[in-house]
Protein backbone atom coordinates (compact mmCIF):
# COMPACT_ATOMS: atom_id res chain seq x y z
CA MET A 1 -10.93 19.27 14.93
CA LEU A 2 -8.86 16.77 12.28
CA CYS A 3 -9.04 13.00 13.20
CA ASP A 4 -8.93 11.36 10.03
CA ASP A 5 -5.78 10.37 8.01
CA SER A 6 -7.28 11.63 4.87
CA ALA A 7 -8.17 14.88 6.42
CA ILE A 8 -5.00 15.60 8.19
CA ALA A 9 -3.10 14.59 4.83
CA HIS A 10 -5.25 17.26 2.75
CA TYR A 11 -4.87 20.11 5.31
CA VAL A 12 -0.99 19.88 5.67
CA GLY A 13 -0.66 18.87 1.85
CA ASN A 14 -0.02 21.22 -0.78
CA ALA A 15 -1.79 21.75 -4.17
CA GLN A 16 0.56 18.97 -5.72
CA THR A 17 -0.31 16.40 -2.86
CA ARG A 18 -3.73 17.38 -3.05
CA GLY A 19 -4.01 16.51 -6.77
CA GLY A 20 -5.10 20.06 -7.85
CA ASP A 21 -7.94 19.89 -9.86
CA ARG A 22 -7.80 16.29 -9.41
CA ALA A 23 -8.32 16.01 -5.64
CA HIS A 24 -11.24 13.88 -5.99
CA ASP A 25 -9.24 11.09 -7.77
CA VAL A 26 -6.52 11.75 -4.96
CA MET A 27 -9.11 11.04 -2.45
CA CYS A 28 -10.71 8.35 -4.09
CA PHE A 29 -7.50 6.34 -3.95
CA ALA A 30 -7.07 7.16 -0.09
CA GLY A 31 -10.32 5.55 0.02
CA PHE A 32 -9.39 2.57 -1.82
CA ALA A 33 -5.96 2.32 0.29
CA GLU A 34 -8.65 2.41 3.50
CA SER A 35 -11.10 0.09 2.64
CA ASN A 36 -9.50 -2.12 0.00
CA LEU A 37 -6.07 -2.80 0.46
CA LEU A 38 -5.50 -2.25 4.36
CA PRO A 39 -8.15 -4.99 5.32
CA SER A 40 -5.95 -7.30 3.00
CA VAL A 41 -2.88 -6.43 4.03
CA ALA A 42 -3.52 -6.88 7.96
CA GLN A 43 -5.49 -10.13 7.39
CA TRP A 44 -2.32 -11.55 5.57
CA VAL A 45 0.47 -9.58 7.23
CA TRP A 46 -0.87 -9.27 10.93
CA PRO A 47 -0.79 -13.21 11.77
CA THR A 48 3.06 -13.25 10.51
CA LEU A 49 3.57 -10.59 12.81
CA GLY A 50 1.94 -12.41 15.56
CA ILE A 51 -0.27 -9.79 16.30
CA VAL A 52 -3.35 -11.99 15.51
CA ALA A 53 -3.75 -15.64 15.14
CA PRO A 54 -3.55 -17.07 11.60
CA ASN A 55 -7.29 -17.64 9.74
CA LYS A 56 -6.66 -19.80 6.59
CA THR A 57 -9.90 -18.51 5.31
CA HIS A 58 -9.17 -14.83 6.03
CA VAL A 59 -5.13 -15.11 4.74
CA ASN A 60 -6.50 -16.59 1.36
CA ALA A 61 -9.56 -14.12 0.95
CA ALA A 62 -6.76 -11.70 1.38
CA LYS A 63 -4.55 -12.68 -0.93
CA GLU A 64 -7.26 -13.24 -3.76
CA ASN A 65 -7.91 -9.38 -2.91
CA LEU A 66 -4.60 -8.03 -3.07
CA LYS A 67 -4.36 -10.00 -6.37
CA ALA A 68 -7.41 -8.56 -7.88
CA ALA A 69 -6.44 -4.76 -6.46
CA PHE A 70 -2.95 -5.31 -8.02
CA THR A 71 -4.33 -6.34 -11.45
CA PHE A 72 -6.28 -3.28 -11.46
CA LEU A 73 -3.15 -1.15 -10.44
CA ASN A 74 -0.95 -2.56 -12.61
CA GLY A 75 -3.04 -1.83 -15.86
CA MET A 76 -3.44 1.23 -14.50
CA LEU A 77 0.34 2.07 -13.88
CA ALA A 78 1.10 0.71 -17.23
CA ASN A 79 0.73 3.84 -18.87
CA GLN A 80 1.68 6.25 -15.83
CA THR A 81 4.36 6.61 -13.13
CA PHE A 82 1.60 8.31 -10.49
CA MET A 83 -1.97 7.42 -9.48
CA VAL A 84 -2.96 11.04 -10.28
CA GLY A 85 -1.36 13.22 -12.58
CA GLU A 86 2.16 13.68 -13.64
CA ARG A 87 3.76 13.91 -9.82
CA ILE A 88 3.41 12.18 -6.55
CA THR A 89 0.10 12.95 -4.44
CA TYR A 90 -1.29 11.53 -1.51
CA ALA A 91 -3.19 9.01 -3.82
CA ASP A 92 0.42 7.58 -4.31
CA ILE A 93 1.90 8.04 -0.72
CA THR A 94 -1.39 6.54 1.11
CA CYS A 95 -1.41 3.66 -1.17
CA ALA A 96 2.53 2.82 -1.20
CA LEU A 97 2.53 3.15 2.58
CA THR A 98 -0.45 0.99 3.18
CA LEU A 99 1.21 -1.86 0.96
CA ARG A 100 4.68 -1.18 2.57
CA SER A 101 4.14 -4.16 5.14
CA ALA A 102 2.89 -6.52 2.54
CA TYR A 103 5.87 -5.93 0.50
CA GLU A 104 8.14 -6.34 3.30
CA ASN A 105 6.80 -9.45 4.79
CA VAL A 106 4.71 -11.70 2.51
CA LEU A 107 5.03 -10.31 -1.17
CA ALA A 108 7.99 -12.85 -2.02
CA PRO A 109 9.44 -12.49 -5.65
CA GLU A 110 7.31 -15.19 -7.19
CA TRP A 111 4.31 -13.09 -6.04
CA ARG A 112 5.33 -9.91 -7.29
CA ALA A 113 6.52 -10.68 -10.80
CA ALA A 114 2.81 -10.62 -12.27
CA PHE A 115 2.78 -7.15 -10.99
CA PRO A 116 6.10 -5.18 -12.78
CA HIS A 117 3.95 -1.76 -13.21
CA VAL A 118 2.83 -1.78 -9.71
CA ASN A 119 6.47 -2.97 -8.06
CA ARG A 120 8.04 0.15 -10.39
CA TRP A 121 5.44 2.49 -8.87
CA PHE A 122 5.81 1.43 -5.42
CA MET A 123 9.61 1.58 -5.44
CA THR A 124 9.35 4.76 -7.13
CA ILE A 125 7.35 6.01 -4.19
CA VAL A 126 9.17 4.76 -1.36
CA ASN A 127 12.37 6.19 -2.62
CA GLN A 128 11.14 9.64 -3.19
CA PRO A 129 13.28 11.78 -0.92
CA GLY A 130 10.31 13.16 0.84
CA VAL A 131 8.88 9.71 1.47
CA LYS A 132 12.00 8.04 2.32
CA SER A 133 13.11 10.73 4.78
CA VAL A 134 10.29 9.62 7.21
CA ILE A 135 10.02 6.07 6.50
CA GLY A 136 13.76 4.97 5.71
CA ASP A 137 14.73 2.07 3.47
CA VAL A 138 12.02 -0.72 2.48
CA THR A 139 13.40 -4.27 2.54
CA LEU A 140 11.39 -6.12 0.17
CA CYS A 141 10.25 -9.65 1.06
CA VAL A 142 12.73 -12.44 -0.29
CA LYS A 143 10.73 -15.53 1.25
CA VAL A 144 7.01 -15.20 2.71
CA CYS A 145 7.18 -15.03 6.65
CA SER A 146 6.01 -17.75 8.45
CA PHE A 147 3.03 -17.23 10.78
CA ARG A 148 3.71 -16.44 14.37
CA THR A 149 1.72 -17.38 17.64
CA PRO A 150 0.15 -14.27 19.02
CA VAL A 151 1.16 -12.87 22.47
CA ASN A 152 -1.46 -12.57 24.67
CA ASN A 153 -0.93 -9.29 26.75
């Protein structure tokens, strides 16, 4: 039984999306998305969507963690189009889709300016025909969204 996103993607993917002989690198980036990117995106984006109450300490930590992750990715992507190899892999898809809500809600132009290679890579991935056919258009944040009061159910 498959119940983990990475396991499912590996199973339904092909040699290209799995990374071929660099499948270990693809899985490493899937873990990076889940362990590093997602918690920071959630801590910064979710309060703007009213999913959780804003916590200034958590939001500031998330901003710093994303800045560190983007600095790492920006250096890596300065000389390559994709995260692993010469074609799109699950590494690109998982990281880009993990960052999507941040790009749409909190990563304003002034924040993104320091990371041109990450921005180029992100737009390349979300505009790939196979990705775009599933997620539709991505509209980049122009101004950081305000925090919303969580709705109690």
